[in-house]
Amino acid sequence: MDKIKAKESIENIKKELSKVIIEQEEVIDLMLIAIFTKGHVLLEGAPGLGKTLLIKSLAKTLGVDFKRVQFTSDLMPSDITGARVYNMKEQKFEFIKGPVFTNFLLGDEINRTPPKTQAGLLEVMEEGRVTIDGKGYETLNPFMVFATQNPIEYEGTYPLPEALLDRFFMKIHIEYPSTAGEVEVIKRHHRGVDKNLVNLNIDTIATIEDIFSYQREVEEVTVEDSLIDYIINIIKATRDTSLIEIGSSPRGSIALLQAAKGNAVLMGRDFVIPEDIKKVVYPVLRHRMILKPEAYVEGIKEDDVIHEILSNIKVPR
């Protein structure tokens, strides 16, 4: 797929999503970047902001298989990965696949399930396979986890451990819509547009082969050495800043590079510029740093620290 055709195809995808998604252009861009770079996404936002609707609509538009799991306190790892069950008729055990055997897996409220079940996602997120009784089972390709969590309600939840957080390519914040955006949401519902009828509201305009094509485009993007140095300087600053207890690992460096390349493809380019890095640095790094307690006491957030880091590093030209 050439750059012009790819750019037009991406714009058509975004236009189709706009039929049901209001004022989430930046979030949609980041989600597409994650798909282009084969990365998992953690979506954080208050209830009712359309996180589930966004992922369902994206799956429909791209023509991929989609499954949803509501994470609860009694969910077991086998409820996600699947389990071996004895077949009385055949007189043997057989593997019953869980919901991870899909293209897009939506894990709603992932922080409401115990660490044992959260850990059950680790292998499949990292390797795209499930191991049961020593035998491996490959998931579909592409495979992505989109997990959601509520940032304002912590009672009865299990905060994600750093090892699992680091498996997510991006952590994306979804904010409240503007007044005009909320008015449009209400008007659409008044006209009878049902958020539960995604299959009727939007069309499938891309294929899995298109996704593979975008992923190949990312692999061919050119990155100047000066921009790699810029990425390294940002990552090193997260380890040296006084407000940060633990900075980003080299996995963060790789993720930042890949995300910048994904944004270049999104913009119709085959080379990275500094603005690509600046656009993706917040969702790539905000969950890969642990701030010191005094920072939280002062109301300082991860995005504030990233902003300060960017302002102190010279941008290559």
Protein backbone atom coordinates (compact mmCIF):
# COMPACT_ATOMS: atom_id res chain seq x y z
CA MET A 1 0.00 0.00 0.00
CA ASP A 2 1.57 3.33 -1.08
CA LYS A 3 1.66 6.33 1.26
CA ILE A 4 -1.14 8.27 -0.45
CA LYS A 5 -3.48 5.27 -0.53
CA ALA A 6 -2.65 4.43 3.09
CA LYS A 7 -3.36 8.01 4.18
CA GLU A 8 -6.71 8.01 2.38
CA SER A 9 -7.63 4.64 3.89
CA ILE A 10 -6.82 5.86 7.40
CA GLU A 11 -8.89 9.00 6.90
CA ASN A 12 -11.83 6.86 5.75
CA ILE A 13 -11.53 4.73 8.89
CA LYS A 14 -11.57 7.83 11.09
CA LYS A 15 -14.53 9.26 9.15
CA GLU A 16 -16.49 6.03 9.63
CA LEU A 17 -15.77 6.02 13.38
CA SER A 18 -17.02 9.60 13.64
CA LYS A 19 -20.53 8.30 12.93
CA VAL A 20 -20.72 6.99 16.51
CA ILE A 21 -17.72 8.56 18.30
CA ILE A 22 -17.79 12.25 19.21
CA GLU A 23 -14.71 14.41 19.87
CA GLN A 24 -12.18 11.63 20.38
CA GLU A 25 -9.93 12.36 17.40
CA GLU A 26 -6.70 12.20 19.39
CA VAL A 27 -7.74 9.02 21.17
CA ILE A 28 -8.64 7.39 17.84
CA ASP A 29 -5.26 8.41 16.42
CA LEU A 30 -3.47 6.80 19.36
CA MET A 31 -5.55 3.62 19.06
CA LEU A 32 -4.70 3.33 15.37
CA ILE A 33 -1.01 3.88 16.15
CA ALA A 34 -1.17 1.03 18.67
CA ILE A 35 -2.77 -1.24 16.06
CA PHE A 36 -0.10 -0.31 13.48
CA THR A 37 2.63 -1.17 16.02
CA LYS A 38 1.00 -4.33 17.47
CA GLY A 39 0.67 -2.81 20.94
CA HIS A 40 -1.84 -3.32 23.75
CA VAL A 41 -3.76 -0.36 25.15
CA LEU A 42 -4.94 0.61 28.63
CA LEU A 43 -7.84 3.07 28.51
CA GLU A 44 -8.52 5.12 31.62
CA GLY A 45 -11.57 7.31 32.08
CA ALA A 46 -14.71 7.83 34.11
CA PRO A 47 -17.73 5.56 33.43
CA GLY A 48 -19.96 6.53 30.54
CA LEU A 49 -17.34 8.14 28.29
CA GLY A 50 -17.70 5.57 25.51
CA LYS A 51 -14.60 3.43 26.02
CA THR A 52 -16.40 0.18 25.21
CA LEU A 53 -18.27 1.76 22.30
CA LEU A 54 -15.01 3.04 20.83
CA ILE A 55 -13.35 -0.38 20.82
CA LYS A 56 -16.43 -2.16 19.46
CA SER A 57 -16.71 0.42 16.69
CA LEU A 58 -13.02 0.12 15.85
CA ALA A 59 -13.29 -3.67 15.57
CA LYS A 60 -16.34 -3.37 13.32
CA THR A 61 -14.70 -0.78 11.07
CA LEU A 62 -11.55 -2.89 10.68
CA GLY A 63 -13.42 -6.14 10.15
CA VAL A 64 -11.75 -8.09 12.96
CA ASP A 65 -13.08 -10.60 15.48
CA PHE A 66 -14.00 -9.01 18.81
CA LYS A 67 -14.72 -10.37 22.29
CA ARG A 68 -15.46 -8.64 25.58
CA VAL A 69 -14.78 -9.81 29.15
CA GLN A 70 -16.18 -8.04 32.20
CA PHE A 71 -13.49 -8.42 34.86
CA THR A 72 -14.88 -9.24 38.30
CA SER A 73 -13.48 -10.29 41.66
CA ASP A 74 -14.35 -13.97 41.07
CA LEU A 75 -12.94 -14.25 37.54
CA MET A 76 -10.39 -17.06 37.18
CA PRO A 77 -7.45 -17.22 34.72
CA SER A 78 -9.08 -20.15 32.91
CA ASP A 79 -12.15 -17.95 32.30
CA ILE A 80 -9.93 -15.86 30.05
CA THR A 81 -7.44 -18.30 28.56
CA GLY A 82 -9.61 -21.42 28.37
CA ALA A 83 -9.25 -24.84 29.98
CA ARG A 84 -8.99 -28.56 29.28
CA VAL A 85 -12.33 -30.30 29.78
CA TYR A 86 -13.02 -34.03 29.78
CA ASN A 87 -15.23 -35.07 26.88
CA MET A 88 -17.32 -38.00 28.10
CA LYS A 89 -18.38 -38.95 24.58
CA GLU A 90 -14.85 -39.04 23.16
CA GLN A 91 -13.32 -40.34 26.42
CA LYS A 92 -10.55 -37.75 26.35
CA PHE A 93 -9.65 -34.23 27.43
CA GLU A 94 -10.10 -31.41 24.96
CA PHE A 95 -9.14 -27.75 25.12
CA ILE A 96 -12.01 -25.27 25.22
CA LYS A 97 -10.68 -21.91 24.05
CA GLY A 98 -11.28 -18.80 26.15
CA PRO A 99 -12.10 -15.28 24.94
CA VAL A 100 -8.40 -14.44 24.36
CA PHE A 101 -8.66 -16.36 21.09
CA THR A 102 -9.80 -13.35 19.13
CA ASN A 103 -8.31 -10.32 17.36
CA PHE A 104 -9.45 -7.55 19.70
CA LEU A 105 -10.07 -8.49 23.34
CA LEU A 106 -11.79 -5.88 25.49
CA GLY A 107 -11.08 -6.34 29.19
CA ASP A 108 -13.56 -4.09 30.97
CA GLU A 109 -12.44 -2.80 34.40
CA ILE A 110 -9.29 -4.90 34.50
CA ASN A 111 -8.41 -3.60 37.97
CA ARG A 112 -11.48 -5.32 39.45
CA THR A 113 -10.03 -8.81 39.07
CA PRO A 114 -7.42 -10.39 41.41
CA PRO A 115 -3.68 -10.41 40.57
CA LYS A 116 -3.78 -14.14 39.72
CA THR A 117 -6.21 -13.49 36.91
CA GLN A 118 -4.37 -10.35 35.80
CA ALA A 119 -1.20 -12.43 35.60
CA GLY A 120 -3.04 -14.88 33.38
CA LEU A 121 -2.91 -12.23 30.67
CA LEU A 122 0.87 -11.78 30.81
CA GLU A 123 1.93 -14.64 28.54
CA VAL A 124 -0.76 -14.08 25.96
CA MET A 125 -0.09 -10.31 25.82
CA GLU A 126 3.65 -10.80 25.43
CA GLU A 127 3.80 -13.87 23.21
CA GLY A 128 0.36 -14.22 21.61
CA ARG A 129 -0.08 -17.74 22.93
CA VAL A 130 -1.59 -19.68 25.82
CA THR A 131 0.12 -22.65 27.48
CA ILE A 132 -2.15 -25.26 29.05
CA ASP A 133 -0.62 -28.45 30.56
CA GLY A 134 2.61 -27.79 28.69
CA LYS A 135 0.99 -27.39 25.28
CA GLY A 136 0.95 -24.03 23.50
CA TYR A 137 -2.04 -22.61 21.63
CA GLU A 138 -1.53 -19.62 19.32
CA THR A 139 -4.02 -16.75 19.38
CA LEU A 140 -5.34 -15.09 16.25
CA ASN A 141 -3.20 -12.63 14.31
CA PRO A 142 -3.47 -9.73 14.87
CA PHE A 143 -4.13 -9.96 18.62
CA MET A 144 -4.57 -6.93 20.87
CA VAL A 145 -5.81 -6.36 24.40
CA PHE A 146 -7.77 -3.19 25.08
CA ALA A 147 -8.26 -2.90 28.84
CA THR A 148 -10.27 -0.26 30.66
CA GLN A 149 -10.13 0.97 34.21
CA ASN A 150 -11.97 3.56 36.25
CA PRO A 151 -9.54 6.10 37.78
CA ILE A 152 -11.94 7.45 40.42
CA GLU A 153 -13.23 4.35 42.18
CA TYR A 154 -10.70 2.19 44.03
CA GLU A 155 -12.79 0.31 46.60
CA GLY A 156 -12.67 -3.41 45.87
CA THR A 157 -10.07 -3.04 43.12
CA TYR A 158 -6.61 -4.52 42.58
CA PRO A 159 -4.11 -1.98 41.19
CA LEU A 160 -2.23 -3.38 38.21
CA PRO A 161 1.34 -4.44 39.10
CA GLU A 162 4.19 -2.71 37.26
CA ALA A 163 5.02 -5.91 35.35
CA LEU A 164 1.54 -5.96 33.81
CA LEU A 165 1.36 -2.19 33.28
CA ASP A 166 4.61 -2.34 31.31
CA ARG A 167 3.03 -4.83 28.89
CA PHE A 168 0.65 -2.12 27.74
CA PHE A 169 2.06 -0.16 24.83
CA MET A 170 0.06 2.93 25.76
CA LYS A 171 -2.04 4.27 28.59
CA ILE A 172 -4.64 6.58 27.09
CA HIS A 173 -6.75 9.02 29.09
CA ILE A 174 -10.30 9.67 27.90
CA GLU A 175 -11.68 13.02 29.04
CA TYR A 176 -15.18 14.44 29.27
CA PRO A 177 -16.55 15.90 26.03
CA SER A 178 -16.95 19.64 25.53
CA THR A 179 -20.38 21.20 25.91
CA ALA A 180 -20.86 21.18 22.13
CA GLY A 181 -19.75 17.54 21.96
CA GLU A 182 -22.16 16.46 24.66
CA VAL A 183 -24.98 18.33 22.95
CA GLU A 184 -24.24 16.35 19.77
CA VAL A 185 -24.25 13.06 21.72
CA ILE A 186 -27.68 13.86 23.15
CA LYS A 187 -29.04 14.92 19.76
CA ARG A 188 -27.88 11.69 18.15
CA HIS A 189 -29.61 9.62 20.81
CA HIS A 190 -32.70 11.77 20.41
CA ARG A 191 -32.66 10.95 16.69
CA GLY A 192 -32.59 7.27 17.55
CA VAL A 193 -28.92 6.42 17.12
CA ASP A 194 -28.45 3.52 19.56
CA LYS A 195 -24.92 3.02 20.86
CA ASN A 196 -25.66 -0.71 21.14
CA LEU A 197 -26.37 -1.01 17.42
CA VAL A 198 -22.81 -0.53 16.17
CA ASN A 199 -23.36 -3.11 13.42
CA LEU A 200 -26.11 -0.94 11.95
CA ASN A 201 -24.49 2.47 12.43
CA ILE A 202 -21.08 1.89 10.84
CA ASP A 203 -19.67 -0.16 7.98
CA THR A 204 -16.63 -2.41 7.67
CA ILE A 205 -14.27 -0.52 5.36
CA ALA A 206 -10.94 -2.24 6.05
CA THR A 207 -9.62 -5.78 6.38
CA ILE A 208 -7.05 -7.70 8.38
CA GLU A 209 -4.79 -7.53 5.32
CA ASP A 210 -4.98 -3.75 5.52
CA ILE A 211 -3.84 -3.93 9.15
CA PHE A 212 -0.88 -6.10 8.13
CA SER A 213 -0.10 -3.56 5.41
CA TYR A 214 -0.03 -0.69 7.93
CA GLN A 215 2.22 -2.74 10.20
CA ARG A 216 4.64 -3.33 7.35
CA GLU A 217 4.62 0.41 6.63
CA VAL A 218 5.75 1.06 10.21
CA GLU A 219 8.69 -1.32 9.79
CA GLU A 220 9.89 0.69 6.77
CA VAL A 221 9.79 4.13 8.43
CA THR A 222 13.15 5.94 8.53
CA VAL A 223 14.46 7.39 11.81
CA GLU A 224 17.47 9.72 11.96
CA ASP A 225 20.15 9.04 14.57
CA SER A 226 19.51 12.46 16.10
CA LEU A 227 15.91 11.44 16.84
CA ILE A 228 17.03 8.19 18.43
CA ASP A 229 19.32 10.26 20.65
CA TYR A 230 16.34 12.51 21.45
CA ILE A 231 14.31 9.47 22.55
CA ILE A 232 17.18 8.18 24.70
CA ASN A 233 17.59 11.60 26.35
CA ILE A 234 13.90 11.62 27.26
CA ILE A 235 14.08 8.13 28.74
CA LYS A 236 17.27 8.89 30.67
CA ALA A 237 15.63 12.02 32.10
CA THR A 238 12.87 9.88 33.60
CA ARG A 239 15.56 8.06 35.58
CA ASP A 240 17.35 11.22 36.73
CA THR A 241 14.45 13.53 37.60
CA SER A 242 14.16 14.18 41.34
CA LEU A 243 10.39 13.63 41.44
CA ILE A 244 10.59 10.14 39.90
CA GLU A 245 11.28 7.10 42.07
CA ILE A 246 11.67 4.65 39.17
CA GLY A 247 12.04 5.74 35.56
CA SER A 248 11.26 4.02 32.30
CA SER A 249 13.05 0.84 31.24
CA PRO A 250 14.51 0.21 27.76
CA ARG A 251 11.10 -1.22 26.86
CA GLY A 252 9.85 2.35 27.12
CA SER A 253 12.55 3.49 24.67
CA ILE A 254 11.46 0.87 22.15
CA ALA A 255 7.78 1.71 22.63
CA LEU A 256 8.45 5.42 22.12
CA LEU A 257 10.35 4.72 18.92
CA GLN A 258 7.64 2.41 17.57
CA ALA A 259 4.85 4.81 18.49
CA ALA A 260 6.62 7.68 16.73
CA LYS A 261 6.98 5.52 13.62
CA GLY A 262 3.29 4.62 13.86
CA ASN A 263 2.35 8.30 14.00
CA ALA A 264 4.49 8.96 10.93
CA VAL A 265 2.46 6.33 9.03
CA LEU A 266 -0.74 7.88 10.37
CA MET A 267 0.39 11.24 8.94
CA GLY A 268 1.30 9.69 5.58
CA ARG A 269 5.08 9.92 5.99
CA ASP A 270 7.87 7.35 5.78
CA PHE A 271 10.16 9.24 8.16
CA VAL A 272 9.91 10.39 11.78
CA ILE A 273 10.06 14.04 12.88
CA PRO A 274 10.29 15.40 16.45
CA GLU A 275 6.57 16.18 16.51
CA ASP A 276 5.82 12.46 16.15
CA ILE A 277 7.73 11.77 19.36
CA LYS A 278 6.11 14.65 21.22
CA LYS A 279 2.62 13.45 20.27
CA VAL A 280 3.05 9.93 21.64
CA VAL A 281 5.41 10.48 24.58
CA TYR A 282 2.64 11.00 27.17
CA PRO A 283 0.60 7.81 26.56
CA VAL A 284 3.79 5.77 26.10
CA LEU A 285 5.56 6.87 29.30
CA ARG A 286 2.91 7.92 31.84
CA HIS A 287 2.46 4.35 33.11
CA ARG A 288 6.16 3.50 32.98
CA MET A 289 7.22 5.83 35.78
CA ILE A 290 6.67 5.73 39.53
CA LEU A 291 6.64 9.14 41.17
CA LYS A 292 7.98 9.77 44.64
CA PRO A 293 5.39 10.10 47.43
CA GLU A 294 6.08 13.82 47.85
CA ALA A 295 5.11 14.40 44.22
CA TYR A 296 1.70 12.84 44.80
CA VAL A 297 1.29 14.90 47.99
CA GLU A 298 1.92 18.07 46.00
CA GLY A 299 -0.63 17.02 43.37
CA ILE A 300 1.99 16.49 40.66
CA LYS A 301 1.05 13.93 38.02
CA GLU A 302 3.08 11.89 35.56
CA ASP A 303 2.06 14.12 32.65
CA ASP A 304 3.35 17.18 34.53
CA VAL A 305 6.76 15.55 34.92
CA ILE A 306 6.87 14.49 31.25
CA HIS A 307 6.02 18.06 30.22
CA GLU A 308 8.88 19.38 32.36
CA ILE A 309 11.28 16.82 30.88
CA LEU A 310 10.37 17.80 27.31
CA SER A 311 10.84 21.49 28.07
CA ASN A 312 14.41 20.85 29.27
CA ILE A 313 15.62 18.71 26.35
CA LYS A 314 16.82 20.28 23.13
CA VAL A 315 14.75 19.25 20.14
CA PRO A 316 16.82 18.09 17.12
CA ARG A 317 16.28 19.95 13.86
